[in-house]
N, C-alpha and C. Protein backbone atom coordinates (compact mmCIF):
# COMPACT_ATOMS: atom_id res chain seq x y z
N UNK A 1 15.56 -6.75 33.85
CA UNK A 1 16.18 -6.53 31.99
C UNK A 1 14.80 -5.90 30.97
N UNK A 2 14.28 -4.63 30.13
CA UNK A 2 13.95 -4.98 29.62
C UNK A 2 14.73 -4.26 28.27
N UNK A 3 13.22 -4.17 27.30
CA UNK A 3 13.92 -4.09 25.47
C UNK A 3 12.39 -3.12 25.08
N UNK A 4 12.83 -2.28 23.79
CA UNK A 4 11.84 -1.93 23.52
C UNK A 4 11.75 -2.71 22.18
N UNK A 5 10.07 -2.46 21.30
CA UNK A 5 10.60 -3.51 21.24
C UNK A 5 9.67 -2.42 19.62
N UNK A 6 9.73 -2.45 18.46
CA UNK A 6 8.86 -1.47 17.31
C UNK A 6 8.11 -2.63 16.64
N UNK A 7 6.02 -2.31 16.30
CA UNK A 7 6.01 -2.43 14.96
C UNK A 7 4.87 -1.31 14.62
N UNK A 8 4.95 -2.39 13.46
CA UNK A 8 3.24 -1.37 12.72
C UNK A 8 2.21 -1.93 13.16
N UNK A 9 1.39 -1.01 13.58
CA UNK A 9 0.02 -2.06 14.82
C UNK A 9 -0.52 -3.39 14.27
N UNK A 10 -0.52 -2.65 12.97
CA UNK A 10 -0.92 -4.14 12.08
C UNK A 10 -0.21 -5.42 12.23
N UNK A 11 1.53 -4.74 12.48
CA UNK A 11 2.29 -6.20 12.72
C UNK A 11 2.18 -6.22 13.92
N UNK A 12 1.12 -5.88 15.06
CA UNK A 12 1.41 -6.33 16.46
C UNK A 12 1.31 -8.08 16.21
N UNK A 13 1.93 -7.96 17.45
CA UNK A 13 2.31 -9.77 17.63
C UNK A 13 0.79 -9.85 18.54
N UNK A 14 -0.48 -10.39 18.90
CA UNK A 14 -1.06 -10.50 19.15
C UNK A 14 -1.33 -10.45 21.07
N UNK A 15 0.12 -11.50 21.57
CA UNK A 15 -0.49 -11.41 22.82
C UNK A 15 0.35 -10.19 22.92
N UNK A 16 1.41 -9.03 22.42
CA UNK A 16 1.50 -8.04 22.87
C UNK A 16 0.28 -7.06 22.33
N UNK A 17 -0.69 -7.16 21.37
CA UNK A 17 -1.36 -6.25 21.37
C UNK A 17 -2.82 -6.24 22.33
N UNK A 18 -2.93 -6.84 23.18
CA UNK A 18 -3.41 -7.77 23.93
C UNK A 18 -3.32 -6.80 25.15
N UNK A 19 -2.17 -7.21 25.86
CA UNK A 19 -1.98 -6.18 27.07
C UNK A 19 -1.67 -4.61 26.25
N UNK A 20 -1.17 -4.13 25.52
CA UNK A 20 -1.61 -2.99 25.53
C UNK A 20 -2.52 -2.43 24.66
N UNK A 21 -3.44 -2.76 24.39
CA UNK A 21 -5.30 -2.97 24.78
C UNK A 21 -5.61 -2.47 26.22
N UNK A 22 -5.53 -4.15 27.21
CA UNK A 22 -5.55 -3.80 28.26
C UNK A 22 -5.37 -2.20 29.04
N UNK A 23 -3.77 -2.13 29.04
CA UNK A 23 -2.89 -0.77 29.86
C UNK A 23 -3.75 0.15 29.29
N UNK A 24 -3.97 0.68 27.66
CA UNK A 24 -5.39 2.04 27.23
C UNK A 24 -6.44 1.58 27.07
N UNK A 25 -6.43 0.54 28.43
CA UNK A 25 -8.37 0.82 28.80
C UNK A 25 -8.34 1.63 29.87
N UNK A 26 -7.70 0.96 30.41
CA UNK A 26 -6.66 1.54 32.27
C UNK A 26 -6.80 2.93 32.35
N UNK A 27 -6.60 3.24 31.49
CA UNK A 27 -5.94 4.66 31.32
C UNK A 27 -7.41 5.15 30.28
N UNK A 28 -7.77 5.02 29.43
CA UNK A 28 -8.50 5.40 28.85
C UNK A 28 -9.63 4.80 29.07
N UNK A 29 -10.64 3.92 29.56
CA UNK A 29 -11.22 3.50 29.66
C UNK A 29 -12.40 4.19 28.66
N UNK A 30 -13.10 3.48 28.64
CA UNK A 30 -14.59 3.62 26.96
C UNK A 30 -13.59 4.19 25.53
N UNK A 31 -12.20 4.69 25.74
CA UNK A 31 -11.47 5.03 23.87
C UNK A 31 -11.61 3.66 23.43
N UNK A 32 -11.70 3.67 21.89
CA UNK A 32 -11.92 2.56 20.90
C UNK A 32 -10.25 2.27 20.73
N UNK A 33 -10.21 0.92 20.63
CA UNK A 33 -8.93 0.39 20.74
C UNK A 33 -7.79 0.91 19.29
N UNK A 34 -6.94 0.61 18.74
CA UNK A 34 -5.93 1.31 17.88
C UNK A 34 -6.14 2.40 17.21
N UNK A 35 -5.70 2.39 16.37
CA UNK A 35 -5.28 4.46 15.90
C UNK A 35 -5.68 3.96 14.28
N UNK A 36 -6.17 4.83 13.99
CA UNK A 36 -6.26 5.51 12.53
C UNK A 36 -5.71 4.68 11.82
N UNK A 37 -5.47 3.52 10.55
CA UNK A 37 -4.76 3.18 9.71
C UNK A 37 -4.07 3.99 8.65
N UNK A 38 -5.07 5.40 7.99
CA UNK A 38 -4.41 6.16 7.52
C UNK A 38 -3.63 7.38 7.75
N UNK A 39 -3.10 6.67 9.96
CA UNK A 39 -1.82 7.80 10.00
C UNK A 39 -0.34 6.73 10.24
N UNK A 40 -0.56 5.29 9.94
CA UNK A 40 0.82 4.31 9.23
C UNK A 40 0.85 3.90 10.62
N UNK A 41 0.26 4.34 12.14
CA UNK A 41 0.54 3.63 12.80
C UNK A 41 1.23 2.78 12.93
N UNK A 42 2.54 2.82 14.28
CA UNK A 42 3.92 2.55 14.86
C UNK A 42 2.92 2.34 16.40
N UNK A 43 3.66 0.56 16.60
CA UNK A 43 4.42 0.56 17.87
C UNK A 43 4.80 0.42 18.55
N UNK A 44 5.18 1.57 19.65
CA UNK A 44 7.05 0.90 20.09
C UNK A 44 6.27 0.21 22.24
N UNK A 45 7.05 -0.38 22.41
CA UNK A 45 6.79 -0.73 24.18
C UNK A 45 7.44 -1.71 24.76
N UNK A 46 8.08 -0.75 26.25
CA UNK A 46 9.40 -0.96 27.25
C UNK A 46 8.61 -2.87 27.70
N UNK A 47 9.12 -3.56 27.19
CA UNK A 47 9.10 -5.20 27.73
C UNK A 47 9.76 -5.12 28.36
N UNK A 48 9.02 -6.55 29.86
CA UNK A 48 10.80 -6.65 30.45
C UNK A 48 10.98 -8.62 29.49
N UNK A 49 11.84 -8.76 30.34
CA UNK A 49 11.99 -10.52 29.95
C UNK A 49 11.20 -11.59 29.68
N UNK A 50 9.86 -11.62 30.85
CA UNK A 50 8.90 -12.77 31.21
C UNK A 50 8.06 -12.20 29.35
N UNK A 51 7.87 -11.14 29.35
CA UNK A 51 7.51 -10.53 28.14
C UNK A 51 6.13 -9.86 27.90
N UNK A 52 5.93 -9.43 29.45
CA UNK A 52 5.15 -8.05 30.31
C UNK A 52 5.43 -7.01 29.51
N UNK A 53 4.10 -5.78 29.36
CA UNK A 53 4.44 -4.95 28.27
C UNK A 53 4.70 -3.92 29.68
N UNK A 54 5.50 -3.31 30.03
CA UNK A 54 6.05 -1.48 31.07
C UNK A 54 5.28 -1.32 30.88
N UNK A 55 5.52 0.13 29.24
CA UNK A 55 5.22 0.64 29.25
C UNK A 55 5.21 1.03 27.53
N UNK A 56 3.71 1.34 26.76
CA UNK A 56 3.27 1.43 25.16
C UNK A 56 3.22 2.93 24.67
N UNK A 57 3.66 3.52 23.55
CA UNK A 57 3.03 4.39 22.32
C UNK A 57 2.93 3.96 21.31
N UNK A 58 2.02 5.23 20.89
CA UNK A 58 1.74 4.23 19.15
C UNK A 58 2.71 5.68 18.47
N UNK A 59 2.89 6.00 17.46
CA UNK A 59 3.73 6.88 16.62
C UNK A 59 2.68 7.08 15.82
N UNK A 60 2.73 8.45 15.33
CA UNK A 60 0.93 8.40 14.00
C UNK A 60 2.41 9.00 13.41
N UNK A 61 2.27 9.73 12.07
CA UNK A 61 2.21 9.68 10.92
C UNK A 61 0.55 11.07 10.18
N UNK A 62 1.54 11.94 9.35
CA UNK A 62 0.59 12.33 8.56
C UNK A 62 1.73 13.79 7.93
N UNK A 63 1.22 13.86 6.16
CA UNK A 63 1.42 15.13 5.66
C UNK A 63 0.40 16.76 6.03
N UNK A 64 1.04 17.41 6.79
CA UNK A 64 0.68 18.91 6.64
C UNK A 64 1.56 20.22 6.54
N UNK A 65 -0.14 20.63 5.69
CA UNK A 65 0.84 22.06 4.79
C UNK A 65 1.04 23.48 6.66
N UNK A 66 1.81 23.71 6.42
CA UNK A 66 1.40 25.34 7.39
C UNK A 66 2.64 25.88 7.14
N UNK A 67 1.91 27.41 7.12
CA UNK A 67 3.38 28.12 6.79
C UNK A 67 3.82 28.24 5.10
N UNK A 68 3.01 28.25 4.43
CA UNK A 68 3.49 27.90 2.95
C UNK A 68 3.56 26.62 2.72
N UNK A 69 4.38 25.72 3.59
CA UNK A 69 5.03 24.77 3.04
C UNK A 69 4.45 23.09 3.87
N UNK A 70 5.08 22.04 2.88
CA UNK A 70 4.10 20.48 3.00
C UNK A 70 5.12 20.26 3.98
N UNK A 71 4.88 19.73 5.63
CA UNK A 71 5.78 18.99 6.32
C UNK A 71 5.22 17.66 6.23
N UNK A 72 6.62 16.60 6.70
CA UNK A 72 6.41 15.51 7.11
C UNK A 72 6.22 15.25 8.81
N UNK A 73 5.20 15.29 9.28
CA UNK A 73 4.66 14.92 10.24
C UNK A 73 5.04 13.88 11.63
N UNK A 74 5.44 13.83 12.64
CA UNK A 74 5.17 12.37 13.18
C UNK A 74 4.75 13.18 14.83
N UNK A 75 3.42 11.68 15.14
CA UNK A 75 3.03 12.18 16.75
C UNK A 75 3.39 11.56 17.60
N UNK A 76 3.75 11.10 18.78
CA UNK A 76 3.23 10.93 19.88
C UNK A 76 1.55 10.69 19.66
N UNK A 77 1.00 8.98 20.63
CA UNK A 77 -0.22 9.05 21.27
C UNK A 77 0.00 7.35 21.91
N UNK A 78 -0.51 8.38 23.40
CA UNK A 78 -1.79 6.76 23.98
C UNK A 78 -0.06 5.99 24.55
N UNK A 79 0.95 7.46 25.37
CA UNK A 79 2.01 6.73 26.24
C UNK A 79 0.86 6.07 27.11
N UNK A 80 1.61 4.99 27.66
CA UNK A 80 0.95 5.21 28.53
C UNK A 80 2.05 4.10 29.82
N UNK A 81 1.61 3.40 30.67
CA UNK A 81 2.87 2.86 31.51
C UNK A 81 2.69 2.46 32.54
N UNK A 82 2.23 0.81 32.32
CA UNK A 82 1.56 0.04 33.22
C UNK A 82 1.96 1.04 35.08
N UNK A 83 0.47 0.36 34.92
CA UNK A 83 0.17 0.96 37.38
C UNK A 83 1.48 0.28 37.71
N UNK A 84 1.81 -1.00 38.06
CA UNK A 84 2.05 -1.58 38.87
C UNK A 84 4.63 -1.23 37.93
N UNK A 85 4.24 -0.38 37.42
CA UNK A 85 5.21 -0.25 36.79
C UNK A 85 5.91 1.48 37.31
N UNK A 86 5.25 1.97 37.22
CA UNK A 86 5.53 3.36 37.75
C UNK A 86 6.20 3.48 37.99
N UNK A 87 7.43 4.87 37.78
CA UNK A 87 8.57 5.40 38.86
C UNK A 87 9.82 5.04 38.67
N UNK A 88 9.50 4.04 37.52
CA UNK A 88 10.88 3.07 36.94
C UNK A 88 11.71 3.48 36.02
N UNK A 89 11.36 4.74 35.64
CA UNK A 89 11.51 5.50 34.81
C UNK A 89 11.73 4.88 33.16
N UNK A 90 10.50 3.85 33.09
CA UNK A 90 10.57 3.03 31.75
C UNK A 90 9.51 3.73 30.61
N UNK A 91 8.84 4.27 31.78
CA UNK A 91 7.71 5.90 30.29
C UNK A 91 9.21 6.71 29.58
N UNK A 92 10.01 6.93 30.33
CA UNK A 92 10.54 7.92 29.58
C UNK A 92 11.45 7.33 29.04
N UNK A 93 12.08 5.88 29.15
CA UNK A 93 12.43 5.51 28.47
C UNK A 93 13.12 5.23 27.31
N UNK A 94 11.20 5.19 26.85
CA UNK A 94 10.44 4.32 25.90
C UNK A 94 10.19 6.10 25.54
N UNK A 95 9.90 6.57 25.51
CA UNK A 95 9.33 8.77 25.41
C UNK A 95 11.47 8.29 24.03
N UNK A 96 12.08 8.24 24.88
CA UNK A 96 12.74 9.12 24.30
C UNK A 96 13.95 7.99 23.17
N UNK A 97 13.35 6.69 23.25
CA UNK A 97 13.64 5.47 22.42
C UNK A 97 12.84 6.69 20.96
N UNK A 98 11.81 6.66 21.21
CA UNK A 98 10.33 6.79 20.57
C UNK A 98 11.54 8.58 19.85
N UNK A 99 11.70 9.14 20.37
CA UNK A 99 12.33 10.61 19.99
C UNK A 99 13.22 10.40 19.01
N UNK A 100 15.04 9.28 19.75
CA UNK A 100 15.56 8.45 18.60
C UNK A 100 15.11 8.47 17.39
N UNK A 101 14.22 7.04 17.52
CA UNK A 101 13.81 6.33 15.90
C UNK A 101 13.16 8.25 15.53
N UNK A 102 12.29 9.52 15.70
CA UNK A 102 11.81 9.81 14.94
C UNK A 102 12.74 10.56 14.65
N UNK A 103 13.46 10.81 15.37
CA UNK A 103 14.84 11.83 14.43
C UNK A 103 16.10 11.42 13.93
N UNK A 104 16.34 9.29 13.66
CA UNK A 104 16.42 9.25 13.11
C UNK A 104 16.27 8.88 11.58
N UNK A 105 14.64 8.65 11.28
CA UNK A 105 14.51 8.27 10.32
C UNK A 105 13.89 9.32 9.13
N UNK A 106 14.69 9.37 7.99
CA UNK A 106 14.80 10.42 7.29
C UNK A 106 13.64 10.34 6.61
N UNK A 107 12.50 10.62 7.02
CA UNK A 107 10.87 10.44 6.14
C UNK A 107 10.20 11.20 7.04
N UNK A 108 11.43 11.14 8.39
CA UNK A 108 10.22 13.34 9.17
C UNK A 108 11.00 14.42 9.09
N UNK A 109 9.63 15.09 9.12
CA UNK A 109 10.67 16.77 9.14
C UNK A 109 10.58 16.78 10.53
N UNK A 110 9.63 17.03 11.03
CA UNK A 110 8.75 17.59 12.29
C UNK A 110 8.17 16.98 13.02
N UNK A 111 8.13 16.67 15.24
CA UNK A 111 6.98 15.22 15.55
C UNK A 111 5.86 17.05 16.81
N UNK A 112 5.64 16.41 16.03
CA UNK A 112 4.08 17.82 16.82
C UNK A 112 3.16 16.62 17.47
N UNK A 113 3.28 16.75 19.18
CA UNK A 113 2.21 16.44 19.78
C UNK A 113 1.43 17.05 21.11
N UNK A 114 0.70 16.39 21.61
CA UNK A 114 0.12 17.81 23.12
C UNK A 114 0.40 16.16 23.58
N UNK A 115 0.18 17.75 25.48
CA UNK A 115 -0.25 16.75 26.68
C UNK A 115 -0.44 17.19 27.39
N UNK A 116 -0.97 16.31 28.64
CA UNK A 116 -2.01 17.56 29.35
C UNK A 116 -0.35 19.17 30.25
N UNK A 117 -0.99 19.78 31.17
CA UNK A 117 0.36 20.48 30.95
C UNK A 117 1.81 20.03 31.89
N UNK A 118 1.56 19.02 33.91
CA UNK A 118 1.48 18.69 34.03
C UNK A 118 2.72 17.64 33.41
N UNK A 119 2.73 17.08 32.74
CA UNK A 119 3.37 16.05 31.59
C UNK A 119 4.29 16.29 30.78
N UNK A 120 4.61 18.20 30.78
CA UNK A 120 5.37 18.26 29.95
C UNK A 120 6.75 18.40 30.17
N UNK A 121 6.99 18.16 32.13
CA UNK A 121 8.79 18.24 32.60
C UNK A 121 8.79 16.78 31.68
N UNK A 122 7.75 15.23 32.12
CA UNK A 122 8.15 14.50 31.80
C UNK A 122 8.65 14.39 30.31
N UNK A 123 8.14 14.99 28.68
CA UNK A 123 8.67 14.68 27.46
C UNK A 123 10.01 15.83 27.84
N UNK A 124 9.80 17.18 28.53
CA UNK A 124 11.08 17.52 27.86
C UNK A 124 12.78 16.65 28.48
N UNK A 125 12.44 15.94 29.43
CA UNK A 125 13.58 15.67 29.99
C UNK A 125 13.84 14.77 29.43
N UNK A 126 13.16 13.57 27.89
CA UNK A 126 13.17 12.97 26.91
C UNK A 126 13.75 13.66 25.83
N UNK A 127 13.50 15.14 25.79
CA UNK A 127 14.23 15.23 24.13
C UNK A 127 13.65 16.95 23.83
N UNK A 128 12.22 16.80 24.35
CA UNK A 128 11.12 17.99 23.20
C UNK A 128 11.45 18.73 23.91
N UNK A 129 11.05 19.95 22.90
CA UNK A 129 10.22 21.31 23.44
C UNK A 129 8.93 21.40 23.57
N UNK A 130 9.60 22.95 24.69
CA UNK A 130 7.21 22.71 24.52
C UNK A 130 7.52 23.80 23.52
N UNK A 131 6.64 24.22 23.16
CA UNK A 131 5.94 25.19 21.62
C UNK A 131 4.75 26.48 23.08
N UNK A 132 5.06 27.88 23.74
CA UNK A 132 4.78 27.26 24.02
C UNK A 132 3.58 28.79 23.35
N UNK A 133 2.68 28.50 23.59
CA UNK A 133 1.35 29.43 22.42
C UNK A 133 0.70 28.81 21.43
N UNK A 134 2.23 27.94 21.13
CA UNK A 134 1.13 26.73 20.26
C UNK A 134 0.34 26.39 20.20
N UNK A 135 -0.78 26.26 19.23
CA UNK A 135 -2.26 25.50 19.30
C UNK A 135 -3.03 24.15 18.15
N UNK A 136 -2.27 22.94 18.56
CA UNK A 136 -2.81 22.15 17.75
C UNK A 136 -4.22 21.88 16.96
N UNK A 137 -4.91 22.37 15.98
CA UNK A 137 -5.82 21.64 15.33
C UNK A 137 -6.18 20.47 15.30
N UNK A 138 -6.76 19.63 15.64
CA UNK A 138 -7.15 17.84 15.52
C UNK A 138 -8.35 17.75 15.32
N UNK A 139 -9.05 16.23 15.02
CA UNK A 139 -10.49 16.52 14.54
C UNK A 139 -10.10 16.29 12.76
N UNK A 140 -11.15 17.27 12.10
CA UNK A 140 -11.62 17.58 10.90
C UNK A 140 -11.39 19.17 10.58
N UNK A 141 -11.71 19.32 9.84
CA UNK A 141 -11.73 20.65 9.17
C UNK A 141 -13.60 21.76 9.59
N UNK A 142 -14.37 20.42 9.51
CA UNK A 142 -15.90 20.62 9.72
C UNK A 142 -15.86 20.21 11.24
N UNK A 143 -15.21 19.22 12.12
CA UNK A 143 -14.81 19.09 13.35
C UNK A 143 -13.84 19.24 14.28
N UNK A 144 -13.24 20.65 14.27
CA UNK A 144 -11.74 20.19 14.83
C UNK A 144 -12.16 20.48 16.75
N UNK A 145 -10.69 19.99 17.44
CA UNK A 145 -10.48 19.83 18.42
C UNK A 145 -9.84 20.64 18.71
N UNK A 146 -9.54 21.55 19.12
CA UNK A 146 -8.28 22.94 19.42
C UNK A 146 -7.56 21.78 20.48
N UNK A 147 -6.24 22.13 20.44
CA UNK A 147 -5.47 22.30 22.00
C UNK A 147 -5.58 22.85 22.90
N UNK A 148 -6.41 24.60 22.74
CA UNK A 148 -7.24 25.75 23.55
C UNK A 148 -8.38 26.22 23.83
N UNK A 149 -9.19 24.26 23.07
CA UNK A 149 -10.80 24.64 23.54
C UNK A 149 -10.54 24.42 25.23
N UNK A 150 -12.38 25.02 25.81
CA UNK A 150 -12.41 24.95 26.68
C UNK A 150 -12.03 23.71 27.02
N UNK A 151 -11.79 23.88 28.33
CA UNK A 151 -11.84 22.83 29.11
C UNK A 151 -10.51 21.86 29.27
N UNK A 152 -9.56 22.44 28.43
CA UNK A 152 -8.72 21.73 27.92
C UNK A 152 -7.58 22.20 28.92
N UNK A 153 -6.32 21.03 29.15
CA UNK A 153 -5.15 21.64 29.81
C UNK A 153 -3.83 21.34 29.27
N UNK A 154 -3.77 21.49 27.72
CA UNK A 154 -2.63 21.12 27.16
C UNK A 154 -1.68 21.87 26.29
N UNK A 155 -0.36 21.86 26.42
CA UNK A 155 0.41 22.05 26.07
C UNK A 155 0.49 21.61 24.82
N UNK A 156 1.84 21.71 24.05
CA UNK A 156 2.57 20.77 22.41
C UNK A 156 3.59 21.01 22.97
N UNK A 157 4.16 19.93 22.20
CA UNK A 157 5.68 19.53 22.14
C UNK A 157 6.16 20.00 21.46
N UNK A 158 8.03 19.73 20.69
CA UNK A 158 7.26 19.86 19.20
C UNK A 158 9.13 18.58 18.90
N UNK A 159 9.91 18.04 18.36
CA UNK A 159 10.82 18.37 17.84
C UNK A 159 11.15 18.49 16.65
N UNK A 160 12.23 19.02 16.13
CA UNK A 160 13.19 19.17 14.32
C UNK A 160 14.36 18.39 13.85
N UNK A 161 13.78 17.71 14.07
CA UNK A 161 14.44 16.22 13.27
C UNK A 161 14.98 16.88 11.54
N UNK A 162 14.61 17.52 10.79
CA UNK A 162 14.20 18.12 9.67
C UNK A 162 14.97 18.70 8.86
N UNK A 163 15.79 18.90 8.43
CA UNK A 163 17.42 19.34 8.25
C UNK A 163 16.83 21.70 7.71
N UNK A 164 15.27 21.31 6.79
CA UNK A 164 15.05 22.32 6.66
C UNK A 164 13.91 23.07 7.88
N UNK A 165 13.60 22.41 8.63
CA UNK A 165 12.49 22.80 9.65
C UNK A 165 12.70 23.59 10.55
N UNK A 166 11.86 24.98 10.31
CA UNK A 166 12.75 26.69 11.15
C UNK A 166 12.28 26.39 12.60
N UNK A 167 12.46 26.24 13.79
CA UNK A 167 11.40 26.23 14.90
C UNK A 167 10.53 27.19 14.98
N UNK A 168 11.33 27.85 14.60
CA UNK A 168 10.76 29.50 14.61
C UNK A 168 8.64 29.45 13.73
N UNK A 169 9.14 28.44 12.57
CA UNK A 169 7.60 28.80 12.01
C UNK A 169 6.77 28.38 12.51
N UNK A 170 6.84 26.98 14.03
CA UNK A 170 6.07 26.08 15.03
C UNK A 170 5.15 27.49 16.44
N UNK A 171 6.29 28.36 16.75
CA UNK A 171 6.27 28.69 18.00
C UNK A 171 4.80 30.25 17.44
N UNK A 172 3.97 29.42 18.52
CA UNK A 172 3.03 30.36 19.22
C UNK A 172 2.42 30.38 17.88
N UNK A 173 2.34 29.03 17.10
CA UNK A 173 0.79 29.52 16.22
C UNK A 173 0.14 28.49 16.23
N UNK A 174 -1.25 28.38 15.06
CA UNK A 174 -2.12 27.54 14.94
C UNK A 174 -2.02 26.86 14.31
N UNK A 175 -1.17 25.31 14.15
CA UNK A 175 -1.41 24.19 13.46
C UNK A 175 -1.82 23.04 13.22
N UNK A 176 -2.74 23.59 11.89
CA UNK A 176 -4.08 22.45 11.18
C UNK A 176 -3.87 21.24 11.00
N UNK A 177 -3.45 20.59 12.01
CA UNK A 177 -2.75 18.86 12.02
C UNK A 177 -3.70 18.16 11.34
N UNK A 178 -5.40 18.19 11.24
CA UNK A 178 -6.78 17.41 11.46
C UNK A 178 -5.95 15.65 10.99
N UNK A 179 -5.77 15.04 12.25
CA UNK A 179 -5.25 13.68 12.17
C UNK A 179 -6.66 13.26 11.43
N UNK A 180 -8.14 13.95 11.29
CA UNK A 180 -9.36 12.93 11.38
C UNK A 180 -10.39 12.66 13.10
N UNK A 181 -10.76 11.88 12.87
CA UNK A 181 -11.86 11.89 14.44
C UNK A 181 -11.69 10.49 15.01
N UNK A 182 -11.10 9.21 14.22
CA UNK A 182 -10.71 8.54 14.87
C UNK A 182 -9.43 9.07 16.28
N UNK A 183 -8.57 9.58 16.25
CA UNK A 183 -7.40 10.10 16.69
C UNK A 183 -7.29 11.47 16.74
N UNK A 184 -8.40 11.88 16.74
CA UNK A 184 -8.89 13.62 16.93
C UNK A 184 -7.34 14.34 17.59
N UNK A 185 -6.64 14.68 18.56
CA UNK A 185 -5.11 14.90 18.49
C UNK A 185 -4.61 14.10 19.41
N UNK A 186 -3.62 13.91 18.46
CA UNK A 186 -2.44 12.69 18.68
C UNK A 186 -1.41 12.96 19.66
């Protein structure tokens, strides 16, 4: 039996934080641990009955300006499943739980994130929508990092829980996300 736990990143219990840092280090060697506090990071983890983290992800938040409006945006970051737990649906279950949590959050107008092209069906199965031709521009205005940069094979996915968020405004668009230099692209 597994259960989904959610914490503000700063309130993550030490044992879970250590396991998640280990999982992320295995998936992305050399990457720093943790997320920019300015993005109000929340961590979600799928935990076995013995306390072992089977999968984890981070939810990041910030306001963005796009097409003349300000939106309260959220994104998925650092989605990872323990190597020995892969193929059991844990990652999909956790991503679907994250989508449901964001859809129920009245402070979220839209969810935007990028992933490697081969992972698109995984995120679509959890209910996210691929935005063909859409580009997220991360980093900062002075040091941008775009999902269409040379060598990237990224796709942008979205969900639109806000009642006044028009998906058409984001289709085929260049979106200035600019989450900073810690979480350059969430």
